[in-house]
Amino acid sequence: SARYARYRVEKNGNNNYTWRLSGNYVRTRNFPPAVNDFTKTYYSGGGTAIIGALLPITGQLSEDGGEAQRTLQIAKEAANLYFASRAPGLSFSVEIRDTGTNPQKALNVLKELQKTGVKVCLGPYGSAELMAVESFAAENGIILISPASSALSLAKPDRIVRLTVNDGIQAKAITSLLESKKLEHLLIIYRE
């Protein structure tokens, strides 16, 4: 994988030169390279892109959910500001729903979001919630971005983007770490 920022040197009004971020280049193992031009103006017929979010505002992961909620609000404001001059009339809104870290509730709120036209959804966070919603999301063409799901059973080609490596990869990394430190015993504490 590779990520490069692209800069342009520009002369400002004081006959001084400054660096200006003009784009980036991103290449990952699983997707073709993407080149973004930040100076380009995009045509937009207008409208609002609705991004869904299934967050654990209450329940076991509520601290993570609250942080994600604040981050999404900041990202929405930054995106709207960025595209105001590049794609006039285009805006973003974020529809946040609380899953309570409950798989059935996650499915119910995803169904609510789907009725509002959501096609991209951040969450759900955990593996149990993701298992509960994965078939509904696939049947309705919804892309899910799961920040913390790591179940090996969910590691398959689908419309789910996982931001955490699966348990199998984590186990190999932990084993390598333990061996390098010459540790022979491990105490595991788990939830539920």
N, C-alpha and C. Protein backbone atom coordinates (compact mmCIF):
# COMPACT_ATOMS: atom_id res chain seq x y z
N SER A 1 0.84 -1.19 0.00
CA SER A 1 0.00 0.00 0.00
C SER A 1 0.87 1.24 0.00
N ALA A 2 0.36 2.30 -0.60
CA ALA A 2 1.10 3.58 -0.63
C ALA A 2 0.12 4.74 -0.62
N ARG A 3 0.49 5.78 0.08
CA ARG A 3 -0.30 7.01 0.11
C ARG A 3 0.66 8.18 -0.05
N TYR A 4 0.42 8.99 -1.06
CA TYR A 4 1.27 10.15 -1.32
C TYR A 4 0.41 11.39 -1.44
N ALA A 5 0.85 12.47 -0.81
CA ALA A 5 0.21 13.77 -1.01
C ALA A 5 0.91 14.45 -2.18
N ARG A 6 0.15 15.20 -2.97
CA ARG A 6 0.72 15.93 -4.10
C ARG A 6 0.61 17.42 -3.79
N TYR A 7 1.71 18.13 -3.92
CA TYR A 7 1.73 19.56 -3.64
C TYR A 7 2.13 20.34 -4.89
N ARG A 8 1.73 21.60 -4.93
CA ARG A 8 2.06 22.50 -6.03
C ARG A 8 2.67 23.76 -5.41
N VAL A 9 3.74 24.26 -6.00
CA VAL A 9 4.34 25.51 -5.53
C VAL A 9 3.65 26.64 -6.28
N GLU A 10 3.14 27.62 -5.52
CA GLU A 10 2.43 28.74 -6.14
C GLU A 10 2.98 30.06 -5.63
N LYS A 11 2.96 31.06 -6.49
CA LYS A 11 3.39 32.41 -6.11
C LYS A 11 2.17 33.13 -5.54
N ASN A 12 2.32 33.71 -4.36
CA ASN A 12 1.20 34.45 -3.79
C ASN A 12 1.36 35.93 -4.10
N GLY A 13 0.48 36.78 -3.59
CA GLY A 13 0.47 38.20 -3.90
C GLY A 13 1.71 38.94 -3.47
N ASN A 14 2.47 38.43 -2.54
CA ASN A 14 3.67 39.12 -2.04
C ASN A 14 4.94 38.66 -2.75
N ASN A 15 4.78 38.02 -3.90
CA ASN A 15 5.89 37.45 -4.65
C ASN A 15 6.66 36.40 -3.85
N ASN A 16 6.00 35.78 -2.92
CA ASN A 16 6.57 34.67 -2.18
C ASN A 16 5.96 33.38 -2.72
N TYR A 17 6.67 32.31 -2.54
CA TYR A 17 6.17 31.02 -2.99
C TYR A 17 5.68 30.21 -1.80
N THR A 18 4.58 29.52 -1.99
CA THR A 18 4.03 28.67 -0.93
C THR A 18 3.67 27.30 -1.51
N TRP A 19 3.61 26.33 -0.64
CA TRP A 19 3.20 24.98 -1.01
C TRP A 19 1.69 24.89 -0.86
N ARG A 20 1.03 24.31 -1.84
CA ARG A 20 -0.42 24.13 -1.77
C ARG A 20 -0.74 22.66 -2.06
N LEU A 21 -1.49 22.04 -1.16
CA LEU A 21 -1.90 20.66 -1.37
C LEU A 21 -2.82 20.61 -2.59
N SER A 22 -2.45 19.80 -3.58
CA SER A 22 -3.25 19.77 -4.80
C SER A 22 -3.92 18.43 -5.05
N GLY A 23 -3.60 17.41 -4.23
CA GLY A 23 -4.24 16.13 -4.43
C GLY A 23 -3.50 15.03 -3.71
N ASN A 24 -3.90 13.81 -3.98
CA ASN A 24 -3.20 12.68 -3.40
C ASN A 24 -3.28 11.48 -4.33
N TYR A 25 -2.44 10.51 -4.03
CA TYR A 25 -2.38 9.26 -4.77
C TYR A 25 -2.46 8.15 -3.73
N VAL A 26 -3.40 7.23 -3.89
CA VAL A 26 -3.57 6.14 -2.94
C VAL A 26 -3.58 4.82 -3.70
N ARG A 27 -2.72 3.90 -3.28
CA ARG A 27 -2.70 2.56 -3.86
C ARG A 27 -2.80 1.57 -2.71
N THR A 28 -3.75 0.65 -2.79
CA THR A 28 -3.90 -0.38 -1.77
C THR A 28 -3.74 -1.74 -2.41
N ARG A 29 -3.61 -2.74 -1.58
CA ARG A 29 -3.42 -4.10 -2.07
C ARG A 29 -4.66 -4.62 -2.79
N ASN A 30 -5.85 -4.20 -2.35
CA ASN A 30 -7.08 -4.79 -2.87
C ASN A 30 -7.79 -3.97 -3.94
N PHE A 31 -7.38 -2.72 -4.14
CA PHE A 31 -8.09 -1.86 -5.08
C PHE A 31 -7.10 -1.19 -6.03
N PRO A 32 -7.56 -0.80 -7.21
CA PRO A 32 -6.66 -0.10 -8.13
C PRO A 32 -6.28 1.27 -7.58
N PRO A 33 -5.17 1.85 -8.05
CA PRO A 33 -4.75 3.16 -7.56
C PRO A 33 -5.81 4.23 -7.81
N ALA A 34 -5.88 5.19 -6.88
CA ALA A 34 -6.81 6.31 -7.02
C ALA A 34 -6.02 7.61 -6.96
N VAL A 35 -6.27 8.49 -7.91
CA VAL A 35 -5.62 9.80 -7.94
C VAL A 35 -6.71 10.83 -7.74
N ASN A 36 -6.56 11.68 -6.73
CA ASN A 36 -7.54 12.72 -6.44
C ASN A 36 -6.92 14.09 -6.71
N ASP A 37 -7.67 14.95 -7.38
CA ASP A 37 -7.23 16.31 -7.66
C ASP A 37 -8.06 17.25 -6.79
N PHE A 38 -7.43 17.86 -5.78
CA PHE A 38 -8.15 18.73 -4.85
C PHE A 38 -8.43 20.11 -5.43
N THR A 39 -7.79 20.44 -6.56
CA THR A 39 -7.99 21.76 -7.14
C THR A 39 -9.10 21.75 -8.18
N LYS A 40 -9.57 20.59 -8.55
CA LYS A 40 -10.58 20.44 -9.58
C LYS A 40 -11.96 20.86 -9.07
N THR A 41 -12.74 21.47 -9.92
CA THR A 41 -14.12 21.79 -9.58
C THR A 41 -15.01 20.68 -10.13
N TYR A 42 -15.89 20.17 -9.32
CA TYR A 42 -16.76 19.06 -9.72
C TYR A 42 -18.13 19.59 -10.08
N TYR A 43 -18.70 19.05 -11.13
CA TYR A 43 -20.06 19.41 -11.49
C TYR A 43 -21.01 18.66 -10.57
N SER A 44 -22.03 19.33 -10.17
CA SER A 44 -23.04 18.68 -9.35
C SER A 44 -24.40 19.24 -9.71
N GLY A 45 -25.32 18.34 -9.88
CA GLY A 45 -26.69 18.78 -10.09
C GLY A 45 -27.34 19.18 -8.77
N GLY A 46 -26.59 19.07 -7.70
CA GLY A 46 -27.12 19.43 -6.39
C GLY A 46 -27.70 18.23 -5.66
N GLY A 47 -28.17 18.48 -4.48
CA GLY A 47 -28.76 17.44 -3.67
C GLY A 47 -27.95 17.16 -2.42
N THR A 48 -28.50 16.30 -1.62
CA THR A 48 -27.85 15.94 -0.36
C THR A 48 -27.52 14.46 -0.35
N ALA A 49 -26.26 14.15 -0.09
CA ALA A 49 -25.83 12.76 0.06
C ALA A 49 -26.01 12.39 1.52
N ILE A 50 -26.81 11.37 1.76
CA ILE A 50 -27.09 10.97 3.14
C ILE A 50 -26.19 9.80 3.50
N ILE A 51 -25.41 9.97 4.56
CA ILE A 51 -24.54 8.91 5.07
C ILE A 51 -25.18 8.42 6.37
N GLY A 52 -25.38 7.12 6.47
CA GLY A 52 -25.93 6.54 7.69
C GLY A 52 -24.83 6.17 8.66
N ALA A 53 -25.19 6.06 9.92
CA ALA A 53 -24.23 5.62 10.94
C ALA A 53 -24.97 4.80 11.99
N LEU A 54 -24.52 3.58 12.16
CA LEU A 54 -25.05 2.71 13.21
C LEU A 54 -24.00 2.69 14.32
N LEU A 55 -24.25 3.47 15.37
CA LEU A 55 -23.26 3.64 16.42
C LEU A 55 -23.77 3.17 17.77
N PRO A 56 -22.87 2.63 18.60
CA PRO A 56 -23.25 2.24 19.95
C PRO A 56 -23.24 3.46 20.89
N ILE A 57 -24.27 4.28 20.80
CA ILE A 57 -24.34 5.48 21.64
C ILE A 57 -24.60 5.06 23.09
N THR A 58 -25.35 3.97 23.25
CA THR A 58 -25.57 3.38 24.56
C THR A 58 -25.03 1.95 24.51
N GLY A 59 -24.88 1.31 25.64
CA GLY A 59 -24.40 -0.07 25.66
C GLY A 59 -22.90 -0.14 25.91
N GLN A 60 -22.34 -1.32 25.67
CA GLN A 60 -20.96 -1.60 26.06
C GLN A 60 -19.91 -0.75 25.35
N LEU A 61 -20.15 -0.35 24.13
CA LEU A 61 -19.16 0.42 23.38
C LEU A 61 -19.55 1.89 23.25
N SER A 62 -20.32 2.39 24.22
CA SER A 62 -20.87 3.75 24.12
C SER A 62 -19.78 4.82 24.06
N GLU A 63 -18.65 4.59 24.70
CA GLU A 63 -17.57 5.57 24.64
C GLU A 63 -17.06 5.70 23.20
N ASP A 64 -16.88 4.57 22.52
CA ASP A 64 -16.45 4.59 21.12
C ASP A 64 -17.51 5.22 20.23
N GLY A 65 -18.78 4.88 20.50
CA GLY A 65 -19.87 5.43 19.70
C GLY A 65 -19.99 6.93 19.83
N GLY A 66 -19.81 7.44 21.05
CA GLY A 66 -19.88 8.90 21.26
C GLY A 66 -18.75 9.62 20.54
N GLU A 67 -17.56 9.03 20.59
CA GLU A 67 -16.42 9.62 19.89
C GLU A 67 -16.65 9.61 18.38
N ALA A 68 -17.18 8.50 17.86
CA ALA A 68 -17.47 8.41 16.42
C ALA A 68 -18.53 9.42 16.02
N GLN A 69 -19.52 9.63 16.87
CA GLN A 69 -20.58 10.59 16.57
C GLN A 69 -20.00 12.00 16.44
N ARG A 70 -19.13 12.39 17.36
CA ARG A 70 -18.51 13.71 17.29
C ARG A 70 -17.62 13.83 16.05
N THR A 71 -16.89 12.78 15.74
CA THR A 71 -16.01 12.79 14.57
C THR A 71 -16.80 12.92 13.28
N LEU A 72 -17.92 12.20 13.19
CA LEU A 72 -18.76 12.29 11.99
C LEU A 72 -19.32 13.70 11.78
N GLN A 73 -19.70 14.36 12.84
CA GLN A 73 -20.22 15.73 12.73
C GLN A 73 -19.14 16.67 12.20
N ILE A 74 -17.91 16.52 12.70
CA ILE A 74 -16.79 17.34 12.23
C ILE A 74 -16.51 17.04 10.75
N ALA A 75 -16.50 15.74 10.39
CA ALA A 75 -16.24 15.35 9.00
C ALA A 75 -17.31 15.89 8.06
N LYS A 76 -18.57 15.84 8.49
CA LYS A 76 -19.66 16.37 7.67
C LYS A 76 -19.47 17.86 7.42
N GLU A 77 -19.14 18.61 8.46
CA GLU A 77 -18.93 20.05 8.30
C GLU A 77 -17.75 20.34 7.37
N ALA A 78 -16.67 19.57 7.52
CA ALA A 78 -15.50 19.76 6.65
C ALA A 78 -15.82 19.43 5.20
N ALA A 79 -16.56 18.34 4.97
CA ALA A 79 -16.93 17.95 3.61
C ALA A 79 -17.84 19.01 2.97
N ASN A 80 -18.80 19.50 3.72
CA ASN A 80 -19.70 20.52 3.18
C ASN A 80 -18.95 21.80 2.84
N LEU A 81 -17.99 22.16 3.69
CA LEU A 81 -17.18 23.35 3.42
C LEU A 81 -16.30 23.13 2.19
N TYR A 82 -15.68 21.96 2.10
CA TYR A 82 -14.79 21.65 0.97
C TYR A 82 -15.55 21.65 -0.35
N PHE A 83 -16.72 21.02 -0.40
CA PHE A 83 -17.45 20.91 -1.66
C PHE A 83 -18.30 22.13 -1.99
N ALA A 84 -18.41 23.08 -1.07
CA ALA A 84 -19.23 24.27 -1.33
C ALA A 84 -18.77 25.01 -2.59
N SER A 85 -17.45 25.09 -2.79
CA SER A 85 -16.94 25.79 -3.97
C SER A 85 -16.67 24.85 -5.15
N ARG A 86 -16.54 23.56 -4.88
CA ARG A 86 -16.18 22.61 -5.92
C ARG A 86 -17.39 21.91 -6.55
N ALA A 87 -18.44 21.80 -5.79
CA ALA A 87 -19.66 21.15 -6.29
C ALA A 87 -20.85 21.89 -5.69
N PRO A 88 -21.11 23.11 -6.17
CA PRO A 88 -22.20 23.90 -5.60
C PRO A 88 -23.53 23.14 -5.62
N GLY A 89 -24.23 23.22 -4.51
CA GLY A 89 -25.51 22.54 -4.41
C GLY A 89 -25.43 21.16 -3.81
N LEU A 90 -24.21 20.59 -3.73
CA LEU A 90 -24.04 19.28 -3.13
C LEU A 90 -23.74 19.46 -1.65
N SER A 91 -24.43 18.69 -0.82
CA SER A 91 -24.14 18.72 0.61
C SER A 91 -24.26 17.31 1.17
N PHE A 92 -23.76 17.15 2.37
CA PHE A 92 -23.79 15.87 3.05
C PHE A 92 -24.56 16.00 4.35
N SER A 93 -25.30 14.96 4.66
CA SER A 93 -25.93 14.89 5.98
C SER A 93 -25.63 13.52 6.56
N VAL A 94 -25.60 13.45 7.87
CA VAL A 94 -25.31 12.19 8.56
C VAL A 94 -26.52 11.83 9.41
N GLU A 95 -27.06 10.66 9.15
CA GLU A 95 -28.18 10.12 9.92
C GLU A 95 -27.63 9.09 10.90
N ILE A 96 -27.59 9.44 12.17
CA ILE A 96 -27.00 8.57 13.19
C ILE A 96 -28.11 7.85 13.95
N ARG A 97 -27.93 6.55 14.11
CA ARG A 97 -28.87 5.73 14.89
C ARG A 97 -28.09 4.95 15.94
N ASP A 98 -28.67 4.83 17.12
CA ASP A 98 -28.07 4.10 18.23
C ASP A 98 -28.42 2.62 18.11
N THR A 99 -27.38 1.77 18.15
CA THR A 99 -27.61 0.32 18.12
C THR A 99 -27.68 -0.26 19.53
N GLY A 100 -27.20 0.49 20.52
CA GLY A 100 -27.18 -0.03 21.88
C GLY A 100 -26.30 -1.26 22.03
N THR A 101 -25.41 -1.48 21.08
CA THR A 101 -24.57 -2.69 21.01
C THR A 101 -25.44 -3.94 20.99
N ASN A 102 -26.58 -3.86 20.32
CA ASN A 102 -27.55 -4.95 20.28
C ASN A 102 -27.79 -5.35 18.82
N PRO A 103 -27.52 -6.61 18.45
CA PRO A 103 -27.65 -7.03 17.05
C PRO A 103 -29.04 -6.81 16.45
N GLN A 104 -30.10 -7.14 17.18
CA GLN A 104 -31.46 -6.97 16.64
C GLN A 104 -31.79 -5.50 16.46
N LYS A 105 -31.37 -4.67 17.41
CA LYS A 105 -31.62 -3.23 17.29
C LYS A 105 -30.84 -2.67 16.10
N ALA A 106 -29.62 -3.18 15.88
CA ALA A 106 -28.82 -2.73 14.73
C ALA A 106 -29.56 -3.02 13.43
N LEU A 107 -30.15 -4.19 13.31
CA LEU A 107 -30.90 -4.54 12.10
C LEU A 107 -32.12 -3.63 11.94
N ASN A 108 -32.83 -3.39 13.02
CA ASN A 108 -34.03 -2.54 12.96
C ASN A 108 -33.68 -1.12 12.51
N VAL A 109 -32.61 -0.55 13.07
CA VAL A 109 -32.27 0.83 12.69
C VAL A 109 -31.67 0.91 11.29
N LEU A 110 -31.00 -0.17 10.83
CA LEU A 110 -30.54 -0.17 9.44
C LEU A 110 -31.73 -0.18 8.49
N LYS A 111 -32.77 -0.91 8.83
CA LYS A 111 -33.99 -0.92 8.01
C LYS A 111 -34.61 0.47 7.96
N GLU A 112 -34.59 1.19 9.08
CA GLU A 112 -35.10 2.58 9.11
C GLU A 112 -34.27 3.46 8.17
N LEU A 113 -32.95 3.33 8.26
CA LEU A 113 -32.07 4.14 7.42
C LEU A 113 -32.25 3.84 5.95
N GLN A 114 -32.45 2.57 5.62
CA GLN A 114 -32.64 2.18 4.22
C GLN A 114 -33.87 2.86 3.64
N LYS A 115 -34.91 3.03 4.44
CA LYS A 115 -36.13 3.70 3.97
C LYS A 115 -35.90 5.17 3.66
N THR A 116 -34.87 5.78 4.27
CA THR A 116 -34.57 7.19 4.00
C THR A 116 -33.65 7.36 2.80
N GLY A 117 -33.23 6.23 2.18
CA GLY A 117 -32.40 6.30 0.99
C GLY A 117 -30.92 6.11 1.25
N VAL A 118 -30.54 5.72 2.45
CA VAL A 118 -29.12 5.52 2.77
C VAL A 118 -28.57 4.34 1.98
N LYS A 119 -27.42 4.56 1.32
CA LYS A 119 -26.74 3.50 0.57
C LYS A 119 -25.34 3.23 1.11
N VAL A 120 -24.85 4.10 2.00
CA VAL A 120 -23.55 3.93 2.65
C VAL A 120 -23.75 4.17 4.13
N CYS A 121 -23.21 3.26 4.93
CA CYS A 121 -23.45 3.35 6.37
C CYS A 121 -22.19 3.01 7.15
N LEU A 122 -21.78 3.90 8.03
CA LEU A 122 -20.70 3.60 8.95
C LEU A 122 -21.27 2.77 10.08
N GLY A 123 -20.67 1.60 10.30
CA GLY A 123 -21.16 0.71 11.35
C GLY A 123 -21.87 -0.47 10.71
N PRO A 124 -22.30 -1.36 11.52
CA PRO A 124 -22.19 -1.34 12.96
C PRO A 124 -20.77 -1.64 13.43
N TYR A 125 -20.53 -1.37 14.71
CA TYR A 125 -19.19 -1.52 15.28
C TYR A 125 -18.76 -2.97 15.43
N GLY A 126 -19.50 -3.74 16.19
CA GLY A 126 -19.06 -5.08 16.57
C GLY A 126 -19.46 -6.17 15.60
N SER A 127 -18.81 -7.32 15.76
CA SER A 127 -19.05 -8.47 14.88
C SER A 127 -20.47 -9.02 15.00
N ALA A 128 -20.99 -9.11 16.22
CA ALA A 128 -22.34 -9.66 16.40
C ALA A 128 -23.38 -8.79 15.70
N GLU A 129 -23.24 -7.48 15.80
CA GLU A 129 -24.16 -6.57 15.11
C GLU A 129 -24.01 -6.69 13.60
N LEU A 130 -22.77 -6.79 13.15
CA LEU A 130 -22.53 -6.89 11.71
C LEU A 130 -23.12 -8.16 11.13
N MET A 131 -23.00 -9.27 11.86
CA MET A 131 -23.60 -10.53 11.41
C MET A 131 -25.11 -10.39 11.27
N ALA A 132 -25.72 -9.62 12.17
CA ALA A 132 -27.18 -9.46 12.15
C ALA A 132 -27.66 -8.64 10.96
N VAL A 133 -26.82 -7.74 10.43
CA VAL A 133 -27.27 -6.85 9.36
C VAL A 133 -26.70 -7.18 7.99
N GLU A 134 -25.70 -8.07 7.92
CA GLU A 134 -24.98 -8.25 6.65
C GLU A 134 -25.87 -8.70 5.50
N SER A 135 -26.80 -9.63 5.72
CA SER A 135 -27.63 -10.10 4.59
C SER A 135 -28.61 -9.02 4.16
N PHE A 136 -29.19 -8.27 5.10
CA PHE A 136 -30.10 -7.19 4.74
C PHE A 136 -29.36 -6.12 3.92
N ALA A 137 -28.15 -5.77 4.36
CA ALA A 137 -27.36 -4.78 3.63
C ALA A 137 -27.05 -5.26 2.22
N ALA A 138 -26.67 -6.53 2.07
CA ALA A 138 -26.36 -7.07 0.75
C ALA A 138 -27.59 -7.07 -0.16
N GLU A 139 -28.73 -7.49 0.38
CA GLU A 139 -29.97 -7.54 -0.41
C GLU A 139 -30.42 -6.16 -0.88
N ASN A 140 -30.05 -5.10 -0.13
CA ASN A 140 -30.51 -3.76 -0.44
C ASN A 140 -29.41 -2.85 -0.99
N GLY A 141 -28.25 -3.44 -1.34
CA GLY A 141 -27.18 -2.67 -1.95
C GLY A 141 -26.55 -1.62 -1.05
N ILE A 142 -26.52 -1.87 0.24
CA ILE A 142 -25.96 -0.92 1.19
C ILE A 142 -24.51 -1.30 1.48
N ILE A 143 -23.62 -0.33 1.37
CA ILE A 143 -22.22 -0.53 1.72
C ILE A 143 -22.05 -0.22 3.20
N LEU A 144 -21.46 -1.14 3.94
CA LEU A 144 -21.21 -0.96 5.36
C LEU A 144 -19.72 -0.76 5.60
N ILE A 145 -19.39 0.15 6.51
CA ILE A 145 -18.01 0.38 6.91
C ILE A 145 -17.95 0.09 8.41
N SER A 146 -17.38 -1.06 8.76
CA SER A 146 -17.37 -1.50 10.15
C SER A 146 -16.02 -1.18 10.81
N PRO A 147 -16.02 -0.30 11.82
CA PRO A 147 -14.77 0.11 12.45
C PRO A 147 -14.10 -0.96 13.31
N ALA A 148 -14.86 -1.89 13.90
CA ALA A 148 -14.24 -2.78 14.88
C ALA A 148 -14.59 -4.26 14.71
N SER A 149 -15.34 -4.62 13.70
CA SER A 149 -15.69 -6.03 13.51
C SER A 149 -14.45 -6.83 13.13
N SER A 150 -14.21 -7.93 13.84
CA SER A 150 -13.00 -8.71 13.58
C SER A 150 -13.26 -10.22 13.46
N ALA A 151 -14.54 -10.64 13.47
CA ALA A 151 -14.86 -12.07 13.41
C ALA A 151 -14.33 -12.68 12.12
N LEU A 152 -13.66 -13.80 12.25
CA LEU A 152 -13.09 -14.50 11.11
C LEU A 152 -14.18 -14.95 10.14
N SER A 153 -15.36 -15.28 10.66
CA SER A 153 -16.47 -15.73 9.82
C SER A 153 -16.96 -14.63 8.87
N LEU A 154 -16.63 -13.38 9.17
CA LEU A 154 -17.06 -12.27 8.31
C LEU A 154 -15.99 -11.85 7.30
N ALA A 155 -14.85 -12.52 7.33
CA ALA A 155 -13.75 -12.18 6.42
C ALA A 155 -13.96 -12.85 5.07
N LYS A 156 -14.75 -12.20 4.23
CA LYS A 156 -15.07 -12.74 2.91
C LYS A 156 -15.36 -11.59 1.96
N PRO A 157 -15.30 -11.83 0.66
CA PRO A 157 -15.60 -10.75 -0.29
C PRO A 157 -17.09 -10.38 -0.23
N ASP A 158 -17.36 -9.13 0.07
CA ASP A 158 -18.73 -8.65 0.13
C ASP A 158 -18.73 -7.12 0.06
N ARG A 159 -19.83 -6.49 0.43
CA ARG A 159 -19.95 -5.04 0.37
C ARG A 159 -19.61 -4.39 1.72
N ILE A 160 -18.86 -5.09 2.54
CA ILE A 160 -18.51 -4.58 3.86
C ILE A 160 -17.04 -4.19 3.87
N VAL A 161 -16.76 -2.97 4.29
CA VAL A 161 -15.39 -2.50 4.45
C VAL A 161 -15.07 -2.60 5.93
N ARG A 162 -14.04 -3.37 6.25
CA ARG A 162 -13.65 -3.55 7.65
C ARG A 162 -12.39 -2.73 7.92
N LEU A 163 -12.41 -1.94 8.99
CA LEU A 163 -11.27 -1.11 9.33
C LEU A 163 -10.32 -1.79 10.32
N THR A 164 -10.69 -2.99 10.76
CA THR A 164 -9.87 -3.77 11.68
C THR A 164 -9.57 -5.11 11.03
N VAL A 165 -8.35 -5.60 11.20
CA VAL A 165 -8.04 -6.91 10.64
C VAL A 165 -8.78 -8.00 11.40
N ASN A 166 -9.03 -9.13 10.75
CA ASN A 166 -9.81 -10.19 11.38
C ASN A 166 -9.03 -10.91 12.47
N ASP A 167 -9.75 -11.69 13.27
CA ASP A 167 -9.16 -12.37 14.43
C ASP A 167 -8.02 -13.31 14.04
N GLY A 168 -8.10 -13.94 12.87
CA GLY A 168 -7.05 -14.84 12.44
C GLY A 168 -5.73 -14.11 12.25
N ILE A 169 -5.78 -12.95 11.62
CA ILE A 169 -4.57 -12.14 11.42
C ILE A 169 -4.07 -11.60 12.76
N GLN A 170 -5.01 -11.17 13.62
CA GLN A 170 -4.62 -10.68 14.94
C GLN A 170 -3.94 -11.78 15.75
N ALA A 171 -4.44 -13.01 15.66
CA ALA A 171 -3.85 -14.13 16.40
C ALA A 171 -2.42 -14.39 15.94
N LYS A 172 -2.18 -14.33 14.62
CA LYS A 172 -0.81 -14.51 14.11
C LYS A 172 0.11 -13.41 14.63
N ALA A 173 -0.38 -12.18 14.66
CA ALA A 173 0.44 -11.06 15.13
C ALA A 173 0.75 -11.20 16.62
N ILE A 174 -0.26 -11.59 17.41
CA ILE A 174 -0.05 -11.76 18.84
C ILE A 174 0.93 -12.91 19.10
N THR A 175 0.78 -14.01 18.35
CA THR A 175 1.70 -15.14 18.50
C THR A 175 3.13 -14.72 18.19
N SER A 176 3.33 -13.99 17.12
CA SER A 176 4.67 -13.52 16.77
C SER A 176 5.24 -12.61 17.85
N LEU A 177 4.40 -11.75 18.39
CA LEU A 177 4.84 -10.84 19.46
C LEU A 177 5.25 -11.63 20.70
N LEU A 178 4.41 -12.60 21.10
CA LEU A 178 4.73 -13.41 22.28
C LEU A 178 6.03 -14.18 22.08
N GLU A 179 6.20 -14.77 20.90
CA GLU A 179 7.42 -15.53 20.63
C GLU A 179 8.64 -14.63 20.66
N SER A 180 8.52 -13.41 20.10
CA SER A 180 9.68 -12.51 20.09
C SER A 180 10.05 -12.06 21.50
N LYS A 181 9.07 -12.00 22.40
CA LYS A 181 9.33 -11.60 23.80
C LYS A 181 9.62 -12.80 24.69
N LYS A 182 9.58 -14.00 24.07
CA LYS A 182 9.82 -15.27 24.79
C LYS A 182 8.83 -15.48 25.93
N LEU A 183 7.58 -15.11 25.69
CA LEU A 183 6.50 -15.32 26.66
C LEU A 183 5.79 -16.63 26.33
N GLU A 184 5.48 -17.40 27.36
CA GLU A 184 4.86 -18.70 27.14
C GLU A 184 3.42 -18.78 27.61
N HIS A 185 2.96 -17.82 28.40
CA HIS A 185 1.60 -17.87 28.95
C HIS A 185 0.85 -16.59 28.61
N LEU A 186 -0.44 -16.76 28.41
CA LEU A 186 -1.29 -15.63 28.06
C LEU A 186 -2.60 -15.75 28.81
N LEU A 187 -3.02 -14.69 29.46
CA LEU A 187 -4.29 -14.64 30.17
C LEU A 187 -5.26 -13.84 29.31
N ILE A 188 -6.36 -14.44 28.91
CA ILE A 188 -7.32 -13.78 28.03
C ILE A 188 -8.54 -13.35 28.84
N ILE A 189 -8.91 -12.10 28.70
CA ILE A 189 -10.13 -11.57 29.31
C ILE A 189 -11.07 -11.24 28.17
N TYR A 190 -12.29 -11.74 28.22
CA TYR A 190 -13.21 -11.52 27.11
C TYR A 190 -14.55 -10.99 27.61
N ARG A 191 -15.31 -10.40 26.67
CA ARG A 191 -16.62 -9.83 26.96
C ARG A 191 -17.68 -10.81 26.49
N GLU A 192 -18.71 -11.04 27.31
CA GLU A 192 -19.82 -11.96 26.99
C GLU A 192 -19.32 -13.34 26.70
